[in-house]
Amino acid sequence: MKVERFVVGILSTNCYLVINEETKETVVIDPGASPSYLMSHIESEGLKVAAVLLTHGHFDHIMGLDGFLKEWDVPVYVHEDDKEIMTDPRMNQSATYTAGYTFDKARYLKDRQTLEHAGYVFEVIHTPGHTRGGCCYYVESEGVLFSGDTLFQESVGRADFANSNMSDLVHAVREKLFLLPEDTLVYPGHMGETKIGHEKKYNPYV
């Protein structure tokens, strides 16, 4: 597995390309925008987009969907508890920062559901708190976790939105993410990478 990070959009969101280097099949995680340099990179590398996985429904993680789907007709996944936020520009904050954006064609996931794309198995770990349907994607075979805005390097996601809850967020990190192997590499929705073991020792929020 090769993971490439692109910082996109007005809130500097991490968009990840999860690439099977043998087949070139690629899973896109959190396309907060679809800038030309990202799209050109996918094209020039001959990557074959197979699916889009969303960690949650905030605008800065979903506003690139139209650009990707225009080029690749692939399924888009999000946890079922974020169905409302995906279709409400006030709840997903797009009405605050932009003219508003919604998306109603996602396929909805449940906790512990697995998805197989690009030769990898992605396990859905529901981690409510930042949003009700916030989730992470764990690829056990590769020892990696895509944590969205649940867990950051020595921090956690905001919980001051109408559908956020800090108690739920901390509980999800402690009771779900911290049960993963300590050497699990964490790719968050903003800022740099970290590891589960590091966060168990040094994250002041949990």
N, C-alpha and C. Protein backbone atom coordinates (compact mmCIF):
# COMPACT_ATOMS: atom_id res chain seq x y z
N MET A 1 0.84 -1.21 0.00
CA MET A 1 0.00 0.00 0.00
C MET A 1 0.87 1.25 0.00
N LYS A 2 0.52 2.16 -0.87
CA LYS A 2 1.17 3.47 -0.90
C LYS A 2 0.12 4.53 -0.57
N VAL A 3 0.43 5.39 0.38
CA VAL A 3 -0.50 6.45 0.76
C VAL A 3 0.10 7.79 0.39
N GLU A 4 -0.64 8.56 -0.40
CA GLU A 4 -0.20 9.89 -0.77
C GLU A 4 -1.17 10.91 -0.16
N ARG A 5 -0.60 11.97 0.41
CA ARG A 5 -1.42 13.00 1.06
C ARG A 5 -1.38 14.29 0.25
N PHE A 6 -2.57 14.85 0.05
CA PHE A 6 -2.70 16.14 -0.61
C PHE A 6 -3.52 17.05 0.31
N VAL A 7 -2.99 18.22 0.60
CA VAL A 7 -3.69 19.19 1.44
C VAL A 7 -4.54 20.06 0.54
N VAL A 8 -5.86 20.02 0.75
CA VAL A 8 -6.78 20.67 -0.18
C VAL A 8 -7.80 21.54 0.56
N GLY A 9 -8.38 22.48 -0.18
CA GLY A 9 -9.50 23.26 0.32
C GLY A 9 -9.09 24.39 1.26
N ILE A 10 -10.09 25.18 1.64
CA ILE A 10 -9.82 26.39 2.42
C ILE A 10 -9.47 26.11 3.88
N LEU A 11 -9.72 24.90 4.36
CA LEU A 11 -9.36 24.55 5.74
C LEU A 11 -8.20 23.56 5.80
N SER A 12 -7.46 23.45 4.70
CA SER A 12 -6.26 22.59 4.64
C SER A 12 -6.54 21.17 5.13
N THR A 13 -7.45 20.54 4.43
CA THR A 13 -7.85 19.17 4.76
C THR A 13 -6.93 18.17 4.07
N ASN A 14 -6.62 17.09 4.76
CA ASN A 14 -5.83 16.02 4.17
C ASN A 14 -6.72 15.12 3.33
N CYS A 15 -6.45 15.09 2.04
CA CYS A 15 -7.09 14.14 1.14
C CYS A 15 -6.06 13.06 0.82
N TYR A 16 -6.44 11.80 1.02
CA TYR A 16 -5.49 10.70 0.83
C TYR A 16 -5.83 9.87 -0.40
N LEU A 17 -4.80 9.47 -1.11
CA LEU A 17 -4.90 8.47 -2.16
C LEU A 17 -4.28 7.19 -1.60
N VAL A 18 -5.08 6.16 -1.51
CA VAL A 18 -4.62 4.87 -1.02
C VAL A 18 -4.44 3.97 -2.24
N ILE A 19 -3.19 3.68 -2.58
CA ILE A 19 -2.86 3.13 -3.88
C ILE A 19 -2.33 1.70 -3.76
N ASN A 20 -2.88 0.81 -4.58
CA ASN A 20 -2.31 -0.51 -4.77
C ASN A 20 -1.30 -0.38 -5.90
N GLU A 21 -0.03 -0.46 -5.57
CA GLU A 21 1.00 -0.17 -6.56
C GLU A 21 1.07 -1.22 -7.67
N GLU A 22 0.54 -2.41 -7.43
CA GLU A 22 0.56 -3.44 -8.46
C GLU A 22 -0.53 -3.21 -9.51
N THR A 23 -1.72 -2.85 -9.04
CA THR A 23 -2.86 -2.70 -9.96
C THR A 23 -3.17 -1.26 -10.32
N LYS A 24 -2.62 -0.31 -9.56
CA LYS A 24 -2.90 1.11 -9.71
C LYS A 24 -4.30 1.49 -9.22
N GLU A 25 -5.06 0.52 -8.71
CA GLU A 25 -6.36 0.84 -8.14
C GLU A 25 -6.16 1.72 -6.92
N THR A 26 -7.06 2.69 -6.76
CA THR A 26 -6.87 3.72 -5.75
C THR A 26 -8.18 4.04 -5.04
N VAL A 27 -8.09 4.18 -3.73
CA VAL A 27 -9.22 4.64 -2.93
C VAL A 27 -8.92 6.07 -2.50
N VAL A 28 -9.89 6.96 -2.67
CA VAL A 28 -9.74 8.36 -2.27
C VAL A 28 -10.45 8.56 -0.94
N ILE A 29 -9.76 9.15 0.01
CA ILE A 29 -10.35 9.41 1.33
C ILE A 29 -10.44 10.92 1.56
N ASP A 30 -11.66 11.39 1.81
CA ASP A 30 -11.96 12.79 2.16
C ASP A 30 -11.51 13.80 1.11
N PRO A 31 -12.15 13.78 -0.06
CA PRO A 31 -11.83 14.78 -1.09
C PRO A 31 -12.49 16.12 -0.77
N GLY A 32 -11.84 16.91 0.05
CA GLY A 32 -12.37 18.21 0.43
C GLY A 32 -12.40 19.20 -0.71
N ALA A 33 -11.65 18.92 -1.76
CA ALA A 33 -11.63 19.71 -2.98
C ALA A 33 -11.04 18.82 -4.07
N SER A 34 -11.17 19.26 -5.31
CA SER A 34 -10.59 18.49 -6.42
C SER A 34 -9.75 19.42 -7.29
N PRO A 35 -8.68 19.96 -6.73
CA PRO A 35 -7.85 20.91 -7.49
C PRO A 35 -7.19 20.25 -8.68
N SER A 36 -6.84 21.06 -9.66
CA SER A 36 -6.29 20.54 -10.91
C SER A 36 -5.00 19.76 -10.69
N TYR A 37 -4.16 20.19 -9.74
CA TYR A 37 -2.90 19.48 -9.53
C TYR A 37 -3.12 18.07 -9.00
N LEU A 38 -4.17 17.88 -8.20
CA LEU A 38 -4.49 16.54 -7.70
C LEU A 38 -5.05 15.67 -8.82
N MET A 39 -5.99 16.21 -9.56
CA MET A 39 -6.60 15.45 -10.64
C MET A 39 -5.58 15.10 -11.71
N SER A 40 -4.69 16.03 -12.00
CA SER A 40 -3.65 15.79 -13.01
C SER A 40 -2.68 14.72 -12.54
N HIS A 41 -2.39 14.70 -11.24
CA HIS A 41 -1.49 13.69 -10.69
C HIS A 41 -2.09 12.30 -10.85
N ILE A 42 -3.37 12.16 -10.54
CA ILE A 42 -4.04 10.87 -10.68
C ILE A 42 -3.98 10.40 -12.14
N GLU A 43 -4.23 11.33 -13.04
CA GLU A 43 -4.22 11.00 -14.47
C GLU A 43 -2.82 10.63 -14.95
N SER A 44 -1.83 11.43 -14.57
CA SER A 44 -0.47 11.20 -15.07
C SER A 44 0.14 9.91 -14.52
N GLU A 45 -0.29 9.52 -13.31
CA GLU A 45 0.22 8.29 -12.70
C GLU A 45 -0.56 7.05 -13.15
N GLY A 46 -1.60 7.27 -13.92
CA GLY A 46 -2.39 6.14 -14.40
C GLY A 46 -3.18 5.44 -13.31
N LEU A 47 -3.57 6.20 -12.29
CA LEU A 47 -4.29 5.60 -11.17
C LEU A 47 -5.76 5.38 -11.55
N LYS A 48 -6.33 4.30 -11.02
CA LYS A 48 -7.70 3.92 -11.32
C LYS A 48 -8.53 4.07 -10.04
N VAL A 49 -9.26 5.15 -9.94
CA VAL A 49 -10.05 5.40 -8.74
C VAL A 49 -11.17 4.36 -8.63
N ALA A 50 -11.24 3.68 -7.47
CA ALA A 50 -12.21 2.60 -7.27
C ALA A 50 -13.34 3.00 -6.34
N ALA A 51 -13.09 3.92 -5.42
CA ALA A 51 -14.11 4.30 -4.44
C ALA A 51 -13.66 5.55 -3.71
N VAL A 52 -14.63 6.23 -3.09
CA VAL A 52 -14.36 7.37 -2.24
C VAL A 52 -14.91 7.07 -0.86
N LEU A 53 -14.07 7.20 0.17
CA LEU A 53 -14.47 6.98 1.56
C LEU A 53 -14.45 8.30 2.30
N LEU A 54 -15.53 8.60 2.99
CA LEU A 54 -15.63 9.83 3.77
C LEU A 54 -15.59 9.49 5.25
N THR A 55 -14.77 10.22 6.00
CA THR A 55 -14.73 10.00 7.45
C THR A 55 -15.88 10.69 8.16
N HIS A 56 -16.43 11.73 7.53
CA HIS A 56 -17.61 12.41 8.07
C HIS A 56 -18.10 13.42 7.03
N GLY A 57 -19.19 14.12 7.35
CA GLY A 57 -19.86 14.91 6.35
C GLY A 57 -19.60 16.40 6.34
N HIS A 58 -18.62 16.89 7.08
CA HIS A 58 -18.33 18.33 7.04
C HIS A 58 -17.84 18.74 5.65
N PHE A 59 -18.16 19.98 5.29
CA PHE A 59 -17.91 20.45 3.93
C PHE A 59 -16.46 20.34 3.50
N ASP A 60 -15.54 20.55 4.43
CA ASP A 60 -14.13 20.55 4.06
C ASP A 60 -13.60 19.15 3.78
N HIS A 61 -14.46 18.14 3.91
CA HIS A 61 -14.07 16.77 3.58
C HIS A 61 -14.85 16.21 2.40
N ILE A 62 -15.85 16.97 1.90
CA ILE A 62 -16.73 16.42 0.87
C ILE A 62 -16.87 17.28 -0.39
N MET A 63 -16.38 18.50 -0.37
CA MET A 63 -16.69 19.42 -1.48
C MET A 63 -15.97 19.10 -2.79
N GLY A 64 -15.07 18.14 -2.77
CA GLY A 64 -14.44 17.71 -4.01
C GLY A 64 -15.17 16.57 -4.70
N LEU A 65 -16.27 16.11 -4.10
CA LEU A 65 -16.95 14.93 -4.64
C LEU A 65 -17.38 15.11 -6.09
N ASP A 66 -17.98 16.24 -6.40
CA ASP A 66 -18.47 16.45 -7.75
C ASP A 66 -17.35 16.37 -8.78
N GLY A 67 -16.20 16.93 -8.44
CA GLY A 67 -15.07 16.89 -9.35
C GLY A 67 -14.57 15.48 -9.61
N PHE A 68 -14.52 14.66 -8.55
CA PHE A 68 -14.08 13.28 -8.70
C PHE A 68 -15.10 12.45 -9.47
N LEU A 69 -16.36 12.62 -9.13
CA LEU A 69 -17.40 11.80 -9.77
C LEU A 69 -17.60 12.18 -11.24
N LYS A 70 -17.22 13.39 -11.59
CA LYS A 70 -17.28 13.78 -13.00
C LYS A 70 -16.29 12.97 -13.83
N GLU A 71 -15.17 12.62 -13.20
CA GLU A 71 -14.12 11.87 -13.89
C GLU A 71 -14.25 10.36 -13.69
N TRP A 72 -14.71 9.95 -12.50
CA TRP A 72 -14.79 8.52 -12.19
C TRP A 72 -16.13 8.21 -11.53
N ASP A 73 -16.88 7.34 -12.14
CA ASP A 73 -18.19 6.96 -11.63
C ASP A 73 -18.00 5.84 -10.61
N VAL A 74 -17.74 6.22 -9.36
CA VAL A 74 -17.41 5.25 -8.32
C VAL A 74 -18.32 5.46 -7.11
N PRO A 75 -18.46 4.45 -6.25
CA PRO A 75 -19.28 4.61 -5.05
C PRO A 75 -18.64 5.54 -4.03
N VAL A 76 -19.48 6.25 -3.29
CA VAL A 76 -19.06 7.14 -2.21
C VAL A 76 -19.68 6.62 -0.92
N TYR A 77 -18.86 6.47 0.12
CA TYR A 77 -19.33 5.89 1.36
C TYR A 77 -19.20 6.88 2.53
N VAL A 78 -20.18 6.83 3.45
CA VAL A 78 -20.13 7.61 4.68
C VAL A 78 -20.97 6.87 5.71
N HIS A 79 -20.70 7.08 6.99
CA HIS A 79 -21.49 6.40 8.02
C HIS A 79 -22.93 6.89 8.00
N GLU A 80 -23.85 5.99 8.28
CA GLU A 80 -25.28 6.30 8.17
C GLU A 80 -25.73 7.45 9.08
N ASP A 81 -25.05 7.65 10.20
CA ASP A 81 -25.46 8.71 11.12
C ASP A 81 -25.08 10.11 10.63
N ASP A 82 -24.36 10.19 9.53
CA ASP A 82 -24.05 11.50 8.94
C ASP A 82 -24.88 11.77 7.68
N LYS A 83 -25.92 11.00 7.47
CA LYS A 83 -26.79 11.25 6.32
C LYS A 83 -27.38 12.65 6.37
N GLU A 84 -27.82 13.08 7.55
CA GLU A 84 -28.44 14.40 7.68
C GLU A 84 -27.45 15.51 7.41
N ILE A 85 -26.26 15.39 7.96
CA ILE A 85 -25.28 16.46 7.80
C ILE A 85 -24.81 16.58 6.35
N MET A 86 -24.81 15.48 5.62
CA MET A 86 -24.40 15.50 4.21
C MET A 86 -25.38 16.32 3.35
N THR A 87 -26.61 16.40 3.81
CA THR A 87 -27.64 17.03 2.99
C THR A 87 -28.16 18.34 3.58
N ASP A 88 -27.46 18.87 4.57
CA ASP A 88 -27.86 20.13 5.20
C ASP A 88 -26.67 21.08 5.21
N PRO A 89 -26.70 22.14 4.38
CA PRO A 89 -25.54 23.03 4.28
C PRO A 89 -25.23 23.80 5.56
N ARG A 90 -26.21 23.94 6.43
CA ARG A 90 -25.92 24.60 7.72
C ARG A 90 -25.18 23.63 8.64
N MET A 91 -25.63 22.39 8.69
CA MET A 91 -24.99 21.41 9.56
C MET A 91 -23.59 21.04 9.10
N ASN A 92 -23.39 20.97 7.78
CA ASN A 92 -22.04 20.60 7.32
C ASN A 92 -21.12 21.81 7.18
N GLN A 93 -21.60 22.97 7.61
CA GLN A 93 -20.82 24.21 7.68
C GLN A 93 -20.53 24.85 6.33
N SER A 94 -21.00 24.26 5.25
CA SER A 94 -20.71 24.86 3.94
C SER A 94 -21.43 26.19 3.76
N ALA A 95 -22.57 26.36 4.41
CA ALA A 95 -23.29 27.63 4.31
C ALA A 95 -22.55 28.76 5.00
N THR A 96 -21.69 28.41 5.95
CA THR A 96 -20.90 29.41 6.68
C THR A 96 -19.71 29.88 5.86
N TYR A 97 -19.07 28.96 5.17
CA TYR A 97 -17.82 29.26 4.48
C TYR A 97 -17.97 29.44 2.97
N THR A 98 -19.06 28.91 2.40
CA THR A 98 -19.25 28.96 0.95
C THR A 98 -20.72 29.25 0.66
N ALA A 99 -21.10 29.12 -0.60
CA ALA A 99 -22.50 29.31 -0.98
C ALA A 99 -23.38 28.13 -0.58
N GLY A 100 -22.75 27.08 -0.05
CA GLY A 100 -23.50 25.92 0.39
C GLY A 100 -23.26 24.71 -0.49
N TYR A 101 -23.21 23.53 0.12
CA TYR A 101 -22.96 22.30 -0.64
C TYR A 101 -23.65 21.14 0.06
N THR A 102 -24.26 20.27 -0.73
CA THR A 102 -24.86 19.04 -0.20
C THR A 102 -24.57 17.90 -1.16
N PHE A 103 -24.70 16.68 -0.64
CA PHE A 103 -24.48 15.48 -1.45
C PHE A 103 -25.40 14.39 -0.92
N ASP A 104 -26.24 13.83 -1.80
CA ASP A 104 -27.23 12.86 -1.35
C ASP A 104 -27.14 11.51 -2.03
N LYS A 105 -25.99 11.22 -2.62
CA LYS A 105 -25.86 9.95 -3.36
C LYS A 105 -24.89 8.98 -2.69
N ALA A 106 -24.58 9.20 -1.43
CA ALA A 106 -23.64 8.33 -0.73
C ALA A 106 -24.29 6.99 -0.38
N ARG A 107 -23.45 6.00 -0.20
CA ARG A 107 -23.87 4.71 0.34
C ARG A 107 -23.55 4.72 1.83
N TYR A 108 -24.48 4.27 2.64
CA TYR A 108 -24.34 4.45 4.08
C TYR A 108 -23.82 3.21 4.78
N LEU A 109 -22.91 3.44 5.72
CA LEU A 109 -22.17 2.38 6.40
C LEU A 109 -22.61 2.23 7.85
N LYS A 110 -22.30 1.05 8.39
CA LYS A 110 -22.54 0.76 9.81
C LYS A 110 -21.22 0.45 10.49
N ASP A 111 -21.21 0.56 11.80
CA ASP A 111 -20.03 0.26 12.59
C ASP A 111 -19.58 -1.17 12.35
N ARG A 112 -18.27 -1.36 12.15
CA ARG A 112 -17.60 -2.64 11.95
C ARG A 112 -17.88 -3.28 10.59
N GLN A 113 -18.59 -2.57 9.74
CA GLN A 113 -18.76 -3.04 8.37
C GLN A 113 -17.41 -3.02 7.68
N THR A 114 -17.20 -3.89 6.71
CA THR A 114 -15.95 -3.89 5.96
C THR A 114 -16.22 -3.63 4.49
N LEU A 115 -15.27 -2.95 3.87
CA LEU A 115 -15.31 -2.65 2.44
C LEU A 115 -14.05 -3.20 1.80
N GLU A 116 -14.18 -3.79 0.64
CA GLU A 116 -13.02 -4.30 -0.08
C GLU A 116 -12.86 -3.51 -1.38
N HIS A 117 -11.79 -2.74 -1.44
CA HIS A 117 -11.49 -1.96 -2.63
C HIS A 117 -9.98 -1.90 -2.83
N ALA A 118 -9.58 -1.91 -4.07
CA ALA A 118 -8.15 -1.80 -4.44
C ALA A 118 -7.30 -2.90 -3.81
N GLY A 119 -7.91 -4.02 -3.48
CA GLY A 119 -7.17 -5.13 -2.91
C GLY A 119 -6.97 -5.06 -1.41
N TYR A 120 -7.64 -4.13 -0.74
CA TYR A 120 -7.51 -3.96 0.70
C TYR A 120 -8.88 -4.02 1.37
N VAL A 121 -8.87 -4.42 2.63
CA VAL A 121 -10.10 -4.45 3.42
C VAL A 121 -10.09 -3.27 4.38
N PHE A 122 -11.08 -2.42 4.27
CA PHE A 122 -11.23 -1.25 5.13
C PHE A 122 -12.33 -1.54 6.15
N GLU A 123 -11.97 -1.54 7.42
CA GLU A 123 -12.96 -1.75 8.47
C GLU A 123 -13.47 -0.40 8.97
N VAL A 124 -14.78 -0.26 9.04
CA VAL A 124 -15.40 0.97 9.52
C VAL A 124 -15.45 0.95 11.04
N ILE A 125 -14.86 1.96 11.66
CA ILE A 125 -14.93 2.11 13.12
C ILE A 125 -15.69 3.39 13.41
N HIS A 126 -16.90 3.25 13.90
CA HIS A 126 -17.75 4.41 14.19
C HIS A 126 -17.19 5.13 15.41
N THR A 127 -16.85 6.40 15.23
CA THR A 127 -16.27 7.19 16.32
C THR A 127 -17.02 8.52 16.43
N PRO A 128 -18.26 8.47 16.94
CA PRO A 128 -19.04 9.71 17.05
C PRO A 128 -18.42 10.69 18.03
N GLY A 129 -18.73 11.96 17.83
CA GLY A 129 -18.21 13.00 18.72
C GLY A 129 -17.98 14.28 17.96
N HIS A 130 -17.12 14.23 16.94
CA HIS A 130 -16.93 15.40 16.08
C HIS A 130 -18.20 15.62 15.25
N THR A 131 -18.73 14.54 14.71
CA THR A 131 -20.09 14.49 14.18
C THR A 131 -20.71 13.19 14.67
N ARG A 132 -22.02 13.08 14.54
CA ARG A 132 -22.68 11.86 15.00
C ARG A 132 -22.22 10.63 14.22
N GLY A 133 -21.94 10.83 12.95
CA GLY A 133 -21.54 9.72 12.11
C GLY A 133 -20.07 9.67 11.78
N GLY A 134 -19.26 10.36 12.55
CA GLY A 134 -17.83 10.31 12.31
C GLY A 134 -17.32 8.88 12.38
N CYS A 135 -16.41 8.53 11.49
CA CYS A 135 -15.86 7.18 11.53
C CYS A 135 -14.41 7.19 11.06
N CYS A 136 -13.72 6.11 11.36
CA CYS A 136 -12.35 5.90 10.92
C CYS A 136 -12.32 4.64 10.07
N TYR A 137 -11.30 4.52 9.25
CA TYR A 137 -11.13 3.34 8.40
C TYR A 137 -9.81 2.67 8.76
N TYR A 138 -9.90 1.41 9.18
CA TYR A 138 -8.73 0.66 9.63
C TYR A 138 -8.41 -0.42 8.61
N VAL A 139 -7.16 -0.42 8.17
CA VAL A 139 -6.69 -1.47 7.25
C VAL A 139 -5.69 -2.31 8.05
N GLU A 140 -6.20 -3.38 8.61
CA GLU A 140 -5.39 -4.20 9.53
C GLU A 140 -4.16 -4.78 8.85
N SER A 141 -4.31 -5.22 7.61
CA SER A 141 -3.19 -5.87 6.92
C SER A 141 -2.00 -4.94 6.74
N GLU A 142 -2.27 -3.63 6.71
CA GLU A 142 -1.21 -2.64 6.49
C GLU A 142 -0.85 -1.87 7.75
N GLY A 143 -1.64 -2.08 8.82
CA GLY A 143 -1.37 -1.38 10.07
C GLY A 143 -1.59 0.11 9.99
N VAL A 144 -2.64 0.53 9.26
CA VAL A 144 -2.90 1.97 9.12
C VAL A 144 -4.35 2.28 9.47
N LEU A 145 -4.54 3.50 9.96
CA LEU A 145 -5.86 4.01 10.32
C LEU A 145 -6.04 5.40 9.72
N PHE A 146 -7.15 5.60 9.04
CA PHE A 146 -7.50 6.93 8.54
C PHE A 146 -8.53 7.48 9.52
N SER A 147 -8.12 8.48 10.31
CA SER A 147 -8.90 8.87 11.48
C SER A 147 -9.78 10.10 11.28
N GLY A 148 -9.74 10.71 10.09
CA GLY A 148 -10.57 11.89 9.88
C GLY A 148 -10.33 12.94 10.94
N ASP A 149 -11.42 13.52 11.46
CA ASP A 149 -11.29 14.55 12.50
C ASP A 149 -11.59 14.00 13.88
N THR A 150 -11.43 12.69 14.04
CA THR A 150 -11.58 12.09 15.37
C THR A 150 -10.30 12.24 16.17
N LEU A 151 -9.19 11.82 15.60
CA LEU A 151 -7.91 11.81 16.31
C LEU A 151 -6.85 12.51 15.48
N PHE A 152 -6.19 13.49 16.11
CA PHE A 152 -5.07 14.19 15.50
C PHE A 152 -3.79 13.90 16.29
N GLN A 153 -2.69 14.43 15.81
CA GLN A 153 -1.43 14.33 16.54
C GLN A 153 -1.54 15.15 17.82
N GLU A 154 -1.62 14.46 18.95
CA GLU A 154 -1.73 15.06 20.28
C GLU A 154 -2.94 16.00 20.39
N SER A 155 -4.00 15.65 19.69
CA SER A 155 -5.22 16.43 19.76
C SER A 155 -6.39 15.58 19.28
N VAL A 156 -7.59 16.16 19.32
CA VAL A 156 -8.79 15.52 18.81
C VAL A 156 -9.60 16.57 18.05
N GLY A 157 -10.65 16.11 17.39
CA GLY A 157 -11.47 17.01 16.62
C GLY A 157 -12.30 17.95 17.47
N ARG A 158 -12.78 19.02 16.86
CA ARG A 158 -13.65 19.97 17.56
C ARG A 158 -14.95 19.29 17.97
N ALA A 159 -15.50 19.74 19.08
CA ALA A 159 -16.78 19.19 19.55
C ALA A 159 -17.70 20.32 20.00
N ASP A 160 -17.62 21.46 19.32
CA ASP A 160 -18.44 22.60 19.69
C ASP A 160 -19.51 22.89 18.64
N PHE A 161 -19.80 21.91 17.79
CA PHE A 161 -20.88 22.05 16.83
C PHE A 161 -22.18 21.53 17.43
N ALA A 162 -23.29 21.83 16.77
CA ALA A 162 -24.60 21.45 17.29
C ALA A 162 -24.76 19.93 17.43
N ASN A 163 -24.12 19.17 16.54
CA ASN A 163 -24.25 17.72 16.60
C ASN A 163 -22.96 17.05 17.06
N SER A 164 -22.17 17.77 17.86
CA SER A 164 -20.92 17.24 18.40
C SER A 164 -21.05 16.96 19.89
N ASN A 165 -20.16 16.11 20.39
CA ASN A 165 -20.17 15.77 21.81
C ASN A 165 -18.78 15.31 22.22
N MET A 166 -18.12 16.10 23.07
CA MET A 166 -16.75 15.79 23.46
C MET A 166 -16.66 14.49 24.27
N SER A 167 -17.65 14.23 25.12
CA SER A 167 -17.64 13.00 25.90
C SER A 167 -17.68 11.78 24.98
N ASP A 168 -18.53 11.84 23.96
CA ASP A 168 -18.61 10.73 23.00
C ASP A 168 -17.30 10.57 22.24
N LEU A 169 -16.71 11.68 21.87
CA LEU A 169 -15.46 11.65 21.11
C LEU A 169 -14.34 11.00 21.92
N VAL A 170 -14.17 11.43 23.14
CA VAL A 170 -13.12 10.88 24.00
C VAL A 170 -13.36 9.40 24.25
N HIS A 171 -14.61 9.04 24.48
CA HIS A 171 -14.94 7.63 24.71
C HIS A 171 -14.60 6.79 23.49
N ALA A 172 -14.92 7.29 22.30
CA ALA A 172 -14.64 6.54 21.08
C ALA A 172 -13.14 6.33 20.89
N VAL A 173 -12.36 7.37 21.17
CA VAL A 173 -10.90 7.23 21.03
C VAL A 173 -10.35 6.22 22.04
N ARG A 174 -10.77 6.34 23.27
CA ARG A 174 -10.26 5.45 24.32
C ARG A 174 -10.70 4.01 24.12
N GLU A 175 -11.99 3.82 23.84
CA GLU A 175 -12.56 2.47 23.85
C GLU A 175 -12.48 1.76 22.50
N LYS A 176 -12.17 2.49 21.44
CA LYS A 176 -12.08 1.86 20.13
C LYS A 176 -10.69 2.02 19.51
N LEU A 177 -10.25 3.26 19.34
CA LEU A 177 -8.97 3.47 18.65
C LEU A 177 -7.78 3.02 19.49
N PHE A 178 -7.84 3.25 20.79
CA PHE A 178 -6.71 2.88 21.63
C PHE A 178 -6.61 1.38 21.87
N LEU A 179 -7.54 0.61 21.34
CA LEU A 179 -7.43 -0.85 21.40
C LEU A 179 -6.64 -1.40 20.22
N LEU A 180 -6.36 -0.56 19.24
CA LEU A 180 -5.58 -0.98 18.09
C LEU A 180 -4.10 -1.13 18.48
N PRO A 181 -3.32 -1.89 17.71
CA PRO A 181 -1.88 -2.03 18.02
C PRO A 181 -1.20 -0.67 18.11
N GLU A 182 -0.26 -0.55 19.03
CA GLU A 182 0.37 0.74 19.28
C GLU A 182 1.17 1.25 18.09
N ASP A 183 1.62 0.35 17.23
CA ASP A 183 2.40 0.81 16.06
C ASP A 183 1.52 1.14 14.86
N THR A 184 0.20 1.17 15.07
CA THR A 184 -0.70 1.56 13.98
C THR A 184 -0.42 2.99 13.56
N LEU A 185 -0.19 3.18 12.27
CA LEU A 185 0.09 4.51 11.73
C LEU A 185 -1.23 5.22 11.47
N VAL A 186 -1.36 6.42 12.00
CA VAL A 186 -2.61 7.18 11.92
C VAL A 186 -2.46 8.32 10.91
N TYR A 187 -3.36 8.33 9.94
CA TYR A 187 -3.43 9.40 8.95
C TYR A 187 -4.67 10.24 9.27
N PRO A 188 -4.48 11.42 9.87
CA PRO A 188 -5.62 12.24 10.30
C PRO A 188 -6.16 13.16 9.21
N GLY A 189 -7.30 13.79 9.52
CA GLY A 189 -7.94 14.68 8.56
C GLY A 189 -7.26 16.02 8.40
N HIS A 190 -6.43 16.40 9.37
CA HIS A 190 -5.66 17.64 9.31
C HIS A 190 -4.32 17.40 10.00
N MET A 191 -3.34 18.14 9.61
CA MET A 191 -2.00 18.08 10.22
C MET A 191 -1.31 16.76 9.90
N GLY A 192 -0.25 16.45 10.66
CA GLY A 192 0.61 15.34 10.30
C GLY A 192 0.24 14.00 10.90
N GLU A 193 0.99 12.99 10.48
CA GLU A 193 0.74 11.62 10.90
C GLU A 193 1.16 11.41 12.36
N THR A 194 0.65 10.33 12.94
CA THR A 194 1.02 9.95 14.28
C THR A 194 0.86 8.45 14.43
N LYS A 195 1.03 7.94 15.63
CA LYS A 195 0.81 6.51 15.89
C LYS A 195 -0.05 6.36 17.14
N ILE A 196 -0.76 5.25 17.20
CA ILE A 196 -1.64 5.01 18.34
C ILE A 196 -0.85 5.01 19.65
N GLY A 197 0.30 4.37 19.68
CA GLY A 197 1.10 4.33 20.90
C GLY A 197 1.50 5.70 21.38
N HIS A 198 1.86 6.58 20.45
CA HIS A 198 2.23 7.95 20.81
C HIS A 198 1.05 8.68 21.42
N GLU A 199 -0.12 8.51 20.83
CA GLU A 199 -1.30 9.23 21.33
C GLU A 199 -1.73 8.71 22.70
N LYS A 200 -1.57 7.43 22.94
CA LYS A 200 -1.91 6.89 24.26
C LYS A 200 -1.04 7.51 25.35
N LYS A 201 0.18 7.88 25.01
CA LYS A 201 1.10 8.45 25.99
C LYS A 201 1.00 9.97 26.10
N TYR A 202 0.77 10.64 24.97
CA TYR A 202 0.97 12.07 24.96
C TYR A 202 -0.25 12.92 24.58
N ASN A 203 -1.35 12.29 24.24
CA ASN A 203 -2.53 13.11 23.86
C ASN A 203 -3.21 13.62 25.11
N PRO A 204 -3.20 14.95 25.36
CA PRO A 204 -3.73 15.50 26.61
C PRO A 204 -5.26 15.44 26.70
N TYR A 205 -5.93 15.21 25.57
CA TYR A 205 -7.39 15.21 25.59
C TYR A 205 -7.97 13.89 26.04
N VAL A 206 -7.21 12.82 25.91
CA VAL A 206 -7.75 11.50 26.23
C VAL A 206 -6.85 10.74 27.20
